mmCIF file of all heavy atoms, coordinates in Angstrom:
data_MODEL
# 
_entry.id   MODEL 
# 
loop_
_atom_site.group_PDB 
_atom_site.id 
_atom_site.type_symbol 
_atom_site.label_atom_id 
_atom_site.label_alt_id 
_atom_site.label_comp_id 
_atom_site.label_asym_id 
_atom_site.label_entity_id 
_atom_site.label_seq_id 
_atom_site.pdbx_PDB_ins_code 
_atom_site.Cartn_x 
_atom_site.Cartn_y 
_atom_site.Cartn_z 
_atom_site.occupancy 
_atom_site.B_iso_or_equiv 
_atom_site.pdbx_formal_charge 
_atom_site.auth_seq_id 
_atom_site.auth_comp_id 
_atom_site.auth_asym_id 
_atom_site.auth_atom_id 
_atom_site.pdbx_PDB_model_num 
ATOM 1   N N   . SER A 1 1  ? -0.442  11.200  -11.176 1.00 0.00 ? 1  SER A N   1 
ATOM 2   C CA  . SER A 1 1  ? 0.732   10.479  -11.617 1.00 0.00 ? 1  SER A CA  1 
ATOM 3   C C   . SER A 1 1  ? 1.996   10.810  -10.824 1.00 0.00 ? 1  SER A C   1 
ATOM 4   O O   . SER A 1 1  ? 3.010   10.149  -10.967 1.00 0.00 ? 1  SER A O   1 
ATOM 5   C CB  . SER A 1 1  ? 0.986   10.810  -13.125 1.00 0.00 ? 1  SER A CB  1 
ATOM 6   O OG  . SER A 1 1  ? 1.203   12.186  -13.298 1.00 0.00 ? 1  SER A OG  1 
ATOM 7   N N   . SER A 1 2  ? 1.931   11.802  -9.983  1.00 0.00 ? 2  SER A N   1 
ATOM 8   C CA  . SER A 1 2  ? 3.054   12.167  -9.106  1.00 0.00 ? 2  SER A CA  1 
ATOM 9   C C   . SER A 1 2  ? 3.040   11.440  -7.792  1.00 0.00 ? 2  SER A C   1 
ATOM 10  O O   . SER A 1 2  ? 3.955   11.625  -6.970  1.00 0.00 ? 2  SER A O   1 
ATOM 11  C CB  . SER A 1 2  ? 3.013   13.682  -8.810  1.00 0.00 ? 2  SER A CB  1 
ATOM 12  O OG  . SER A 1 2  ? 3.139   14.440  -9.984  1.00 0.00 ? 2  SER A OG  1 
ATOM 13  N N   . TYR A 1 3  ? 2.052   10.592  -7.565  1.00 0.00 ? 3  TYR A N   1 
ATOM 14  C CA  . TYR A 1 3  ? 1.881   9.961   -6.276  1.00 0.00 ? 3  TYR A CA  1 
ATOM 15  C C   . TYR A 1 3  ? 2.234   8.477   -6.329  1.00 0.00 ? 3  TYR A C   1 
ATOM 16  O O   . TYR A 1 3  ? 1.693   7.747   -7.222  1.00 0.00 ? 3  TYR A O   1 
ATOM 17  C CB  . TYR A 1 3  ? 0.440   10.119  -5.764  1.00 0.00 ? 3  TYR A CB  1 
ATOM 18  C CG  . TYR A 1 3  ? 0.151   11.522  -5.295  1.00 0.00 ? 3  TYR A CG  1 
ATOM 19  C CD1 . TYR A 1 3  ? -0.140  12.534  -6.195  1.00 0.00 ? 3  TYR A CD1 1 
ATOM 20  C CD2 . TYR A 1 3  ? 0.210   11.833  -3.930  1.00 0.00 ? 3  TYR A CD2 1 
ATOM 21  C CE1 . TYR A 1 3  ? -0.401  13.821  -5.763  1.00 0.00 ? 3  TYR A CE1 1 
ATOM 22  C CE2 . TYR A 1 3  ? -0.048  13.138  -3.488  1.00 0.00 ? 3  TYR A CE2 1 
ATOM 23  C CZ  . TYR A 1 3  ? -0.338  14.097  -4.408  1.00 0.00 ? 3  TYR A CZ  1 
ATOM 24  O OH  . TYR A 1 3  ? -0.567  15.382  -3.964  1.00 0.00 ? 3  TYR A OH  1 
ATOM 25  N N   . ALA A 1 4  ? 3.075   8.064   -5.400  1.00 0.00 ? 4  ALA A N   1 
ATOM 26  C CA  . ALA A 1 4  ? 3.228   6.658   -5.148  1.00 0.00 ? 4  ALA A CA  1 
ATOM 27  C C   . ALA A 1 4  ? 2.027   6.158   -4.368  1.00 0.00 ? 4  ALA A C   1 
ATOM 28  O O   . ALA A 1 4  ? 1.499   6.881   -3.511  1.00 0.00 ? 4  ALA A O   1 
ATOM 29  C CB  . ALA A 1 4  ? 4.504   6.384   -4.334  1.00 0.00 ? 4  ALA A CB  1 
ATOM 30  N N   . MET A 1 5  ? 1.551   4.965   -4.682  1.00 0.00 ? 5  MET A N   1 
ATOM 31  C CA  . MET A 1 5  ? 0.337   4.443   -4.064  1.00 0.00 ? 5  MET A CA  1 
ATOM 32  C C   . MET A 1 5  ? 0.570   3.109   -3.403  1.00 0.00 ? 5  MET A C   1 
ATOM 33  O O   . MET A 1 5  ? 1.454   2.318   -3.826  1.00 0.00 ? 5  MET A O   1 
ATOM 34  C CB  . MET A 1 5  ? -0.758  4.274   -5.163  1.00 0.00 ? 5  MET A CB  1 
ATOM 35  C CG  . MET A 1 5  ? -1.050  5.556   -5.914  1.00 0.00 ? 5  MET A CG  1 
ATOM 36  S SD  . MET A 1 5  ? -1.749  6.857   -4.898  1.00 0.00 ? 5  MET A SD  1 
ATOM 37  C CE  . MET A 1 5  ? -3.336  6.114   -4.435  1.00 0.00 ? 5  MET A CE  1 
ATOM 38  N N   . GLY A 1 6  ? -0.197  2.876   -2.397  1.00 0.00 ? 6  GLY A N   1 
ATOM 39  C CA  . GLY A 1 6  ? -0.069  1.588   -1.706  1.00 0.00 ? 6  GLY A CA  1 
ATOM 40  C C   . GLY A 1 6  ? -1.404  1.038   -1.228  1.00 0.00 ? 6  GLY A C   1 
ATOM 41  O O   . GLY A 1 6  ? -2.350  1.849   -1.018  1.00 0.00 ? 6  GLY A O   1 
ATOM 42  N N   . TRP A 1 7  ? -1.459  -0.226  -1.047  1.00 0.00 ? 7  TRP A N   1 
ATOM 43  C CA  . TRP A 1 7  ? -2.597  -0.908  -0.413  1.00 0.00 ? 7  TRP A CA  1 
ATOM 44  C C   . TRP A 1 7  ? -2.139  -1.542  0.874   1.00 0.00 ? 7  TRP A C   1 
ATOM 45  O O   . TRP A 1 7  ? -1.106  -2.254  0.877   1.00 0.00 ? 7  TRP A O   1 
ATOM 46  C CB  . TRP A 1 7  ? -3.219  -1.948  -1.339  1.00 0.00 ? 7  TRP A CB  1 
ATOM 47  C CG  . TRP A 1 7  ? -4.039  -1.433  -2.441  1.00 0.00 ? 7  TRP A CG  1 
ATOM 48  C CD1 . TRP A 1 7  ? -3.646  -1.246  -3.740  1.00 0.00 ? 7  TRP A CD1 1 
ATOM 49  C CD2 . TRP A 1 7  ? -5.423  -1.021  -2.365  1.00 0.00 ? 7  TRP A CD2 1 
ATOM 50  N NE1 . TRP A 1 7  ? -4.702  -0.735  -4.472  1.00 0.00 ? 7  TRP A NE1 1 
ATOM 51  C CE2 . TRP A 1 7  ? -5.788  -0.586  -3.648  1.00 0.00 ? 7  TRP A CE2 1 
ATOM 52  C CE3 . TRP A 1 7  ? -6.369  -0.982  -1.347  1.00 0.00 ? 7  TRP A CE3 1 
ATOM 53  C CZ2 . TRP A 1 7  ? -7.087  -0.129  -3.964  1.00 0.00 ? 7  TRP A CZ2 1 
ATOM 54  C CZ3 . TRP A 1 7  ? -7.621  -0.522  -1.623  1.00 0.00 ? 7  TRP A CZ3 1 
ATOM 55  C CH2 . TRP A 1 7  ? -7.993  -0.104  -2.912  1.00 0.00 ? 7  TRP A CH2 1 
ATOM 56  N N   . PHE A 1 8  ? -2.878  -1.310  1.939   1.00 0.00 ? 8  PHE A N   1 
ATOM 57  C CA  . PHE A 1 8  ? -2.576  -1.916  3.205   1.00 0.00 ? 8  PHE A CA  1 
ATOM 58  C C   . PHE A 1 8  ? -3.839  -2.615  3.688   1.00 0.00 ? 8  PHE A C   1 
ATOM 59  O O   . PHE A 1 8  ? -4.936  -2.387  3.179   1.00 0.00 ? 8  PHE A O   1 
ATOM 60  C CB  . PHE A 1 8  ? -2.235  -0.808  4.241   1.00 0.00 ? 8  PHE A CB  1 
ATOM 61  C CG  . PHE A 1 8  ? -0.893  -0.168  3.965   1.00 0.00 ? 8  PHE A CG  1 
ATOM 62  C CD1 . PHE A 1 8  ? -0.765  0.791   2.955   1.00 0.00 ? 8  PHE A CD1 1 
ATOM 63  C CD2 . PHE A 1 8  ? 0.228   -0.497  4.729   1.00 0.00 ? 8  PHE A CD2 1 
ATOM 64  C CE1 . PHE A 1 8  ? 0.461   1.383   2.722   1.00 0.00 ? 8  PHE A CE1 1 
ATOM 65  C CE2 . PHE A 1 8  ? 1.452   0.111   4.479   1.00 0.00 ? 8  PHE A CE2 1 
ATOM 66  C CZ  . PHE A 1 8  ? 1.561   1.037   3.453   1.00 0.00 ? 8  PHE A CZ  1 
ATOM 67  N N   . ARG A 1 9  ? -3.682  -3.501  4.682   1.00 0.00 ? 9  ARG A N   1 
ATOM 68  C CA  . ARG A 1 9  ? -4.855  -4.139  5.256   1.00 0.00 ? 9  ARG A CA  1 
ATOM 69  C C   . ARG A 1 9  ? -4.653  -4.298  6.737   1.00 0.00 ? 9  ARG A C   1 
ATOM 70  O O   . ARG A 1 9  ? -3.518  -4.356  7.246   1.00 0.00 ? 9  ARG A O   1 
ATOM 71  C CB  . ARG A 1 9  ? -5.112  -5.480  4.619   1.00 0.00 ? 9  ARG A CB  1 
ATOM 72  C CG  . ARG A 1 9  ? -4.091  -6.580  4.891   1.00 0.00 ? 9  ARG A CG  1 
ATOM 73  C CD  . ARG A 1 9  ? -4.397  -7.806  4.050   1.00 0.00 ? 9  ARG A CD  1 
ATOM 74  N NE  . ARG A 1 9  ? -3.419  -8.882  4.309   1.00 0.00 ? 9  ARG A NE  1 
ATOM 75  C CZ  . ARG A 1 9  ? -3.402  -10.005 3.619   1.00 0.00 ? 9  ARG A CZ  1 
ATOM 76  N NH1 . ARG A 1 9  ? -4.295  -10.233 2.630   1.00 0.00 ? 9  ARG A NH1 1 
ATOM 77  N NH2 . ARG A 1 9  ? -2.476  -10.915 3.893   1.00 0.00 ? 9  ARG A NH2 1 
ATOM 78  N N   . GLN A 1 10 ? -5.771  -4.354  7.439   1.00 0.00 ? 10 GLN A N   1 
ATOM 79  C CA  . GLN A 1 10 ? -5.731  -4.547  8.898   1.00 0.00 ? 10 GLN A CA  1 
ATOM 80  C C   . GLN A 1 10 ? -6.844  -5.477  9.311   1.00 0.00 ? 10 GLN A C   1 
ATOM 81  O O   . GLN A 1 10 ? -8.009  -5.183  9.070   1.00 0.00 ? 10 GLN A O   1 
ATOM 82  C CB  . GLN A 1 10 ? -5.840  -3.208  9.622   1.00 0.00 ? 10 GLN A CB  1 
ATOM 83  C CG  . GLN A 1 10 ? -5.606  -3.318  11.130  1.00 0.00 ? 10 GLN A CG  1 
ATOM 84  C CD  . GLN A 1 10 ? -5.377  -1.982  11.768  1.00 0.00 ? 10 GLN A CD  1 
ATOM 85  O OE1 . GLN A 1 10 ? -5.748  -0.918  11.232  1.00 0.00 ? 10 GLN A OE1 1 
ATOM 86  N NE2 . GLN A 1 10 ? -4.787  -1.985  12.962  1.00 0.00 ? 10 GLN A NE2 1 
ATOM 87  N N   . ALA A 1 11 ? -6.448  -6.603  9.888   1.00 0.00 ? 11 ALA A N   1 
ATOM 88  C CA  . ALA A 1 11 ? -7.394  -7.564  10.410  1.00 0.00 ? 11 ALA A CA  1 
ATOM 89  C C   . ALA A 1 11 ? -7.658  -7.286  11.894  1.00 0.00 ? 11 ALA A C   1 
ATOM 90  O O   . ALA A 1 11 ? -6.800  -6.691  12.523  1.00 0.00 ? 11 ALA A O   1 
ATOM 91  C CB  . ALA A 1 11 ? -6.886  -8.970  10.208  1.00 0.00 ? 11 ALA A CB  1 
ATOM 92  N N   . PRO A 1 12 ? -8.770  -7.702  12.415  1.00 0.00 ? 12 PRO A N   1 
ATOM 93  C CA  . PRO A 1 12 ? -9.064  -7.463  13.858  1.00 0.00 ? 12 PRO A CA  1 
ATOM 94  C C   . PRO A 1 12 ? -7.949  -8.001  14.758  1.00 0.00 ? 12 PRO A C   1 
ATOM 95  O O   . PRO A 1 12 ? -7.509  -9.129  14.598  1.00 0.00 ? 12 PRO A O   1 
ATOM 96  C CB  . PRO A 1 12 ? -10.392 -8.202  14.068  1.00 0.00 ? 12 PRO A CB  1 
ATOM 97  C CG  . PRO A 1 12 ? -11.022 -8.237  12.747  1.00 0.00 ? 12 PRO A CG  1 
ATOM 98  C CD  . PRO A 1 12 ? -9.896  -8.395  11.754  1.00 0.00 ? 12 PRO A CD  1 
ATOM 99  N N   . GLY A 1 13 ? -7.479  -7.116  15.649  1.00 0.00 ? 13 GLY A N   1 
ATOM 100 C CA  . GLY A 1 13 ? -6.459  -7.527  16.583  1.00 0.00 ? 13 GLY A CA  1 
ATOM 101 C C   . GLY A 1 13 ? -5.048  -7.589  16.030  1.00 0.00 ? 13 GLY A C   1 
ATOM 102 O O   . GLY A 1 13 ? -4.127  -7.996  16.731  1.00 0.00 ? 13 GLY A O   1 
ATOM 103 N N   . LYS A 1 14 ? -4.900  -7.171  14.775  1.00 0.00 ? 14 LYS A N   1 
ATOM 104 C CA  . LYS A 1 14 ? -3.583  -7.208  14.121  1.00 0.00 ? 14 LYS A CA  1 
ATOM 105 C C   . LYS A 1 14 ? -3.150  -5.825  13.713  1.00 0.00 ? 14 LYS A C   1 
ATOM 106 O O   . LYS A 1 14 ? -3.993  -4.920  13.572  1.00 0.00 ? 14 LYS A O   1 
ATOM 107 C CB  . LYS A 1 14 ? -3.595  -8.159  12.934  1.00 0.00 ? 14 LYS A CB  1 
ATOM 108 C CG  . LYS A 1 14 ? -3.819  -9.628  13.311  1.00 0.00 ? 14 LYS A CG  1 
ATOM 109 C CD  . LYS A 1 14 ? -3.631  -10.514 12.129  1.00 0.00 ? 14 LYS A CD  1 
ATOM 110 C CE  . LYS A 1 14 ? -3.766  -11.989 12.495  1.00 0.00 ? 14 LYS A CE  1 
ATOM 111 N NZ  . LYS A 1 14 ? -3.551  -12.887 11.331  1.00 0.00 ? 14 LYS A NZ  1 
ATOM 112 N N   . GLU A 1 15 ? -1.861  -5.680  13.483  1.00 0.00 ? 15 GLU A N   1 
ATOM 113 C CA  . GLU A 1 15 ? -1.344  -4.403  12.990  1.00 0.00 ? 15 GLU A CA  1 
ATOM 114 C C   . GLU A 1 15 ? -1.624  -4.245  11.481  1.00 0.00 ? 15 GLU A C   1 
ATOM 115 O O   . GLU A 1 15 ? -1.768  -5.220  10.774  1.00 0.00 ? 15 GLU A O   1 
ATOM 116 C CB  . GLU A 1 15 ? 0.147   -4.326  13.248  1.00 0.00 ? 15 GLU A CB  1 
ATOM 117 C CG  . GLU A 1 15 ? 0.504   -4.218  14.723  1.00 0.00 ? 15 GLU A CG  1 
ATOM 118 C CD  . GLU A 1 15 ? 1.973   -3.939  14.953  1.00 0.00 ? 15 GLU A CD  1 
ATOM 119 O OE1 . GLU A 1 15 ? 2.752   -3.931  13.967  1.00 0.00 ? 15 GLU A OE1 1 
ATOM 120 O OE2 . GLU A 1 15 ? 2.390   -3.757  16.110  1.00 0.00 ? 15 GLU A OE2 1 
ATOM 121 N N   . ARG A 1 16 ? -1.652  -2.987  11.097  1.00 0.00 ? 16 ARG A N   1 
ATOM 122 C CA  . ARG A 1 16 ? -1.809  -2.704  9.658   1.00 0.00 ? 16 ARG A CA  1 
ATOM 123 C C   . ARG A 1 16 ? -0.587  -3.187  8.917   1.00 0.00 ? 16 ARG A C   1 
ATOM 124 O O   . ARG A 1 16 ? 0.548   -2.961  9.362   1.00 0.00 ? 16 ARG A O   1 
ATOM 125 C CB  . ARG A 1 16 ? -2.027  -1.226  9.436   1.00 0.00 ? 16 ARG A CB  1 
ATOM 126 C CG  . ARG A 1 16 ? -2.416  -0.840  8.044   1.00 0.00 ? 16 ARG A CG  1 
ATOM 127 C CD  . ARG A 1 16 ? -2.822  0.588   7.947   1.00 0.00 ? 16 ARG A CD  1 
ATOM 128 N NE  . ARG A 1 16 ? -4.019  0.860   8.774   1.00 0.00 ? 16 ARG A NE  1 
ATOM 129 C CZ  . ARG A 1 16 ? -4.716  2.030   8.709   1.00 0.00 ? 16 ARG A CZ  1 
ATOM 130 N NH1 . ARG A 1 16 ? -4.311  2.984   7.855   1.00 0.00 ? 16 ARG A NH1 1 
ATOM 131 N NH2 . ARG A 1 16 ? -5.741  2.220   9.500   1.00 0.00 ? 16 ARG A NH2 1 
ATOM 132 N N   . GLU A 1 17 ? -0.787  -3.881  7.814   1.00 0.00 ? 17 GLU A N   1 
ATOM 133 C CA  . GLU A 1 17 ? 0.345   -4.403  7.026   1.00 0.00 ? 17 GLU A CA  1 
ATOM 134 C C   . GLU A 1 17 ? 0.263   -3.991  5.602   1.00 0.00 ? 17 GLU A C   1 
ATOM 135 O O   . GLU A 1 17 ? -0.817  -3.834  5.019   1.00 0.00 ? 17 GLU A O   1 
ATOM 136 C CB  . GLU A 1 17 ? 0.388   -5.926  7.148   1.00 0.00 ? 17 GLU A CB  1 
ATOM 137 C CG  . GLU A 1 17 ? -0.798  -6.650  6.513   1.00 0.00 ? 17 GLU A CG  1 
ATOM 138 C CD  . GLU A 1 17 ? -0.626  -8.167  6.487   1.00 0.00 ? 17 GLU A CD  1 
ATOM 139 O OE1 . GLU A 1 17 ? 0.493   -8.653  6.687   1.00 0.00 ? 17 GLU A OE1 1 
ATOM 140 O OE2 . GLU A 1 17 ? -1.632  -8.857  6.211   1.00 0.00 ? 17 GLU A OE2 1 
ATOM 141 N N   . SER A 1 18 ? 1.445   -3.844  4.987   1.00 0.00 ? 18 SER A N   1 
ATOM 142 C CA  . SER A 1 18 ? 1.498   -3.503  3.590   1.00 0.00 ? 18 SER A CA  1 
ATOM 143 C C   . SER A 1 18 ? 1.180   -4.744  2.757   1.00 0.00 ? 18 SER A C   1 
ATOM 144 O O   . SER A 1 18 ? 1.668   -5.815  3.005   1.00 0.00 ? 18 SER A O   1 
ATOM 145 C CB  . SER A 1 18 ? 2.904   -3.001  3.245   1.00 0.00 ? 18 SER A CB  1 
ATOM 146 O OG  . SER A 1 18 ? 3.022   -2.713  1.863   1.00 0.00 ? 18 SER A OG  1 
ATOM 147 N N   . VAL A 1 19 ? 0.333   -4.518  1.763   1.00 0.00 ? 19 VAL A N   1 
ATOM 148 C CA  . VAL A 1 19 ? -0.071  -5.608  0.867   1.00 0.00 ? 19 VAL A CA  1 
ATOM 149 C C   . VAL A 1 19 ? 0.583   -5.466  -0.491  1.00 0.00 ? 19 VAL A C   1 
ATOM 150 O O   . VAL A 1 19 ? 1.185   -6.426  -1.028  1.00 0.00 ? 19 VAL A O   1 
ATOM 151 C CB  . VAL A 1 19 ? -1.605  -5.644  0.693   1.00 0.00 ? 19 VAL A CB  1 
ATOM 152 C CG1 . VAL A 1 19 ? -1.994  -6.672  -0.322  1.00 0.00 ? 19 VAL A CG1 1 
ATOM 153 C CG2 . VAL A 1 19 ? -2.311  -5.873  2.020   1.00 0.00 ? 19 VAL A CG2 1 
ATOM 154 N N   . ALA A 1 20 ? 0.526   -4.282  -1.048  1.00 0.00 ? 20 ALA A N   1 
ATOM 155 C CA  . ALA A 1 20 ? 1.093   -4.025  -2.384  1.00 0.00 ? 20 ALA A CA  1 
ATOM 156 C C   . ALA A 1 20 ? 1.340   -2.539  -2.512  1.00 0.00 ? 20 ALA A C   1 
ATOM 157 O O   . ALA A 1 20 ? 0.701   -1.713  -1.870  1.00 0.00 ? 20 ALA A O   1 
ATOM 158 C CB  . ALA A 1 20 ? 0.173   -4.537  -3.466  1.00 0.00 ? 20 ALA A CB  1 
ATOM 159 N N   . ALA A 1 21 ? 2.275   -2.184  -3.383  1.00 0.00 ? 21 ALA A N   1 
ATOM 160 C CA  . ALA A 1 21 ? 2.593   -0.787  -3.647  1.00 0.00 ? 21 ALA A CA  1 
ATOM 161 C C   . ALA A 1 21 ? 3.054   -0.593  -5.076  1.00 0.00 ? 21 ALA A C   1 
ATOM 162 O O   . ALA A 1 21 ? 3.565   -1.559  -5.700  1.00 0.00 ? 21 ALA A O   1 
ATOM 163 C CB  . ALA A 1 21 ? 3.666   -0.290  -2.678  1.00 0.00 ? 21 ALA A CB  1 
ATOM 164 N N   . ILE A 1 22 ? 2.856   0.608   -5.577  1.00 0.00 ? 22 ILE A N   1 
ATOM 165 C CA  . ILE A 1 22 ? 3.277   0.913   -6.926  1.00 0.00 ? 22 ILE A CA  1 
ATOM 166 C C   . ILE A 1 22 ? 3.896   2.302   -6.949  1.00 0.00 ? 22 ILE A C   1 
ATOM 167 O O   . ILE A 1 22 ? 3.400   3.198   -6.244  1.00 0.00 ? 22 ILE A O   1 
ATOM 168 C CB  . ILE A 1 22 ? 2.073   0.781   -7.944  1.00 0.00 ? 22 ILE A CB  1 
ATOM 169 C CG1 . ILE A 1 22 ? 2.548   0.894   -9.359  1.00 0.00 ? 22 ILE A CG1 1 
ATOM 170 C CG2 . ILE A 1 22 ? 0.982   1.801   -7.612  1.00 0.00 ? 22 ILE A CG2 1 
ATOM 171 C CD1 . ILE A 1 22 ? 1.489   0.464   -10.379 1.00 0.00 ? 22 ILE A CD1 1 
ATOM 172 N N   . SER A 1 23 ? 4.935   2.438   -7.682  1.00 0.00 ? 23 SER A N   1 
ATOM 173 C CA  . SER A 1 23 ? 5.652   3.738   -7.756  1.00 0.00 ? 23 SER A CA  1 
ATOM 174 C C   . SER A 1 23 ? 4.815   4.721   -8.551  1.00 0.00 ? 23 SER A C   1 
ATOM 175 O O   . SER A 1 23 ? 3.880   4.360   -9.272  1.00 0.00 ? 23 SER A O   1 
ATOM 176 C CB  . SER A 1 23 ? 7.015   3.548   -8.416  1.00 0.00 ? 23 SER A CB  1 
ATOM 177 O OG  . SER A 1 23 ? 6.835   3.064   -9.767  1.00 0.00 ? 23 SER A OG  1 
ATOM 178 N N   . SER A 1 24 ? 5.184   5.982   -8.407  1.00 0.00 ? 24 SER A N   1 
ATOM 179 C CA  . SER A 1 24 ? 4.477   7.038   -9.146  1.00 0.00 ? 24 SER A CA  1 
ATOM 180 C C   . SER A 1 24 ? 4.648   6.844   -10.672 1.00 0.00 ? 24 SER A C   1 
ATOM 181 O O   . SER A 1 24 ? 3.759   7.167   -11.447 1.00 0.00 ? 24 SER A O   1 
ATOM 182 C CB  . SER A 1 24 ? 4.928   8.407   -8.719  1.00 0.00 ? 24 SER A CB  1 
ATOM 183 O OG  . SER A 1 24 ? 6.302   8.600   -8.943  1.00 0.00 ? 24 SER A OG  1 
ATOM 184 N N   . SER A 1 25 ? 5.797   6.309   -11.082 1.00 0.00 ? 25 SER A N   1 
ATOM 185 C CA  . SER A 1 25 ? 6.017   6.042   -12.512 1.00 0.00 ? 25 SER A CA  1 
ATOM 186 C C   . SER A 1 25 ? 5.215   4.812   -12.994 1.00 0.00 ? 25 SER A C   1 
ATOM 187 O O   . SER A 1 25 ? 4.998   4.691   -14.214 1.00 0.00 ? 25 SER A O   1 
ATOM 188 C CB  . SER A 1 25 ? 7.498   5.770   -12.750 1.00 0.00 ? 25 SER A CB  1 
ATOM 189 O OG  . SER A 1 25 ? 7.876   4.523   -12.164 1.00 0.00 ? 25 SER A OG  1 
ATOM 190 N N   . GLY A 1 26 ? 4.814   3.994   -12.068 1.00 0.00 ? 26 GLY A N   1 
ATOM 191 C CA  . GLY A 1 26 ? 4.095   2.783   -12.430 1.00 0.00 ? 26 GLY A CA  1 
ATOM 192 C C   . GLY A 1 26 ? 5.021   1.637   -12.861 1.00 0.00 ? 26 GLY A C   1 
ATOM 193 O O   . GLY A 1 26 ? 4.551   0.539   -13.129 1.00 0.00 ? 26 GLY A O   1 
ATOM 194 N N   . ASP A 1 27 ? 6.349   1.916   -12.865 1.00 0.00 ? 27 ASP A N   1 
ATOM 195 C CA  . ASP A 1 27 ? 7.270   0.895   -13.329 1.00 0.00 ? 27 ASP A CA  1 
ATOM 196 C C   . ASP A 1 27 ? 7.642   -0.119  -12.262 1.00 0.00 ? 27 ASP A C   1 
ATOM 197 O O   . ASP A 1 27 ? 8.091   -1.230  -12.572 1.00 0.00 ? 27 ASP A O   1 
ATOM 198 C CB  . ASP A 1 27 ? 8.570   1.583   -13.797 1.00 0.00 ? 27 ASP A CB  1 
ATOM 199 C CG  . ASP A 1 27 ? 8.357   2.445   -15.006 1.00 0.00 ? 27 ASP A CG  1 
ATOM 200 O OD1 . ASP A 1 27 ? 7.405   2.209   -15.732 1.00 0.00 ? 27 ASP A OD1 1 
ATOM 201 O OD2 . ASP A 1 27 ? 9.159   3.395   -15.211 1.00 0.00 ? 27 ASP A OD2 1 
# 
């Protein structure tokens, strides 16, 4: 619960990009 979390994705030949993120509070 102390960790902020994120989802990233990387397609072939492309840079890694942020998809979604959530704060440690979840708010």
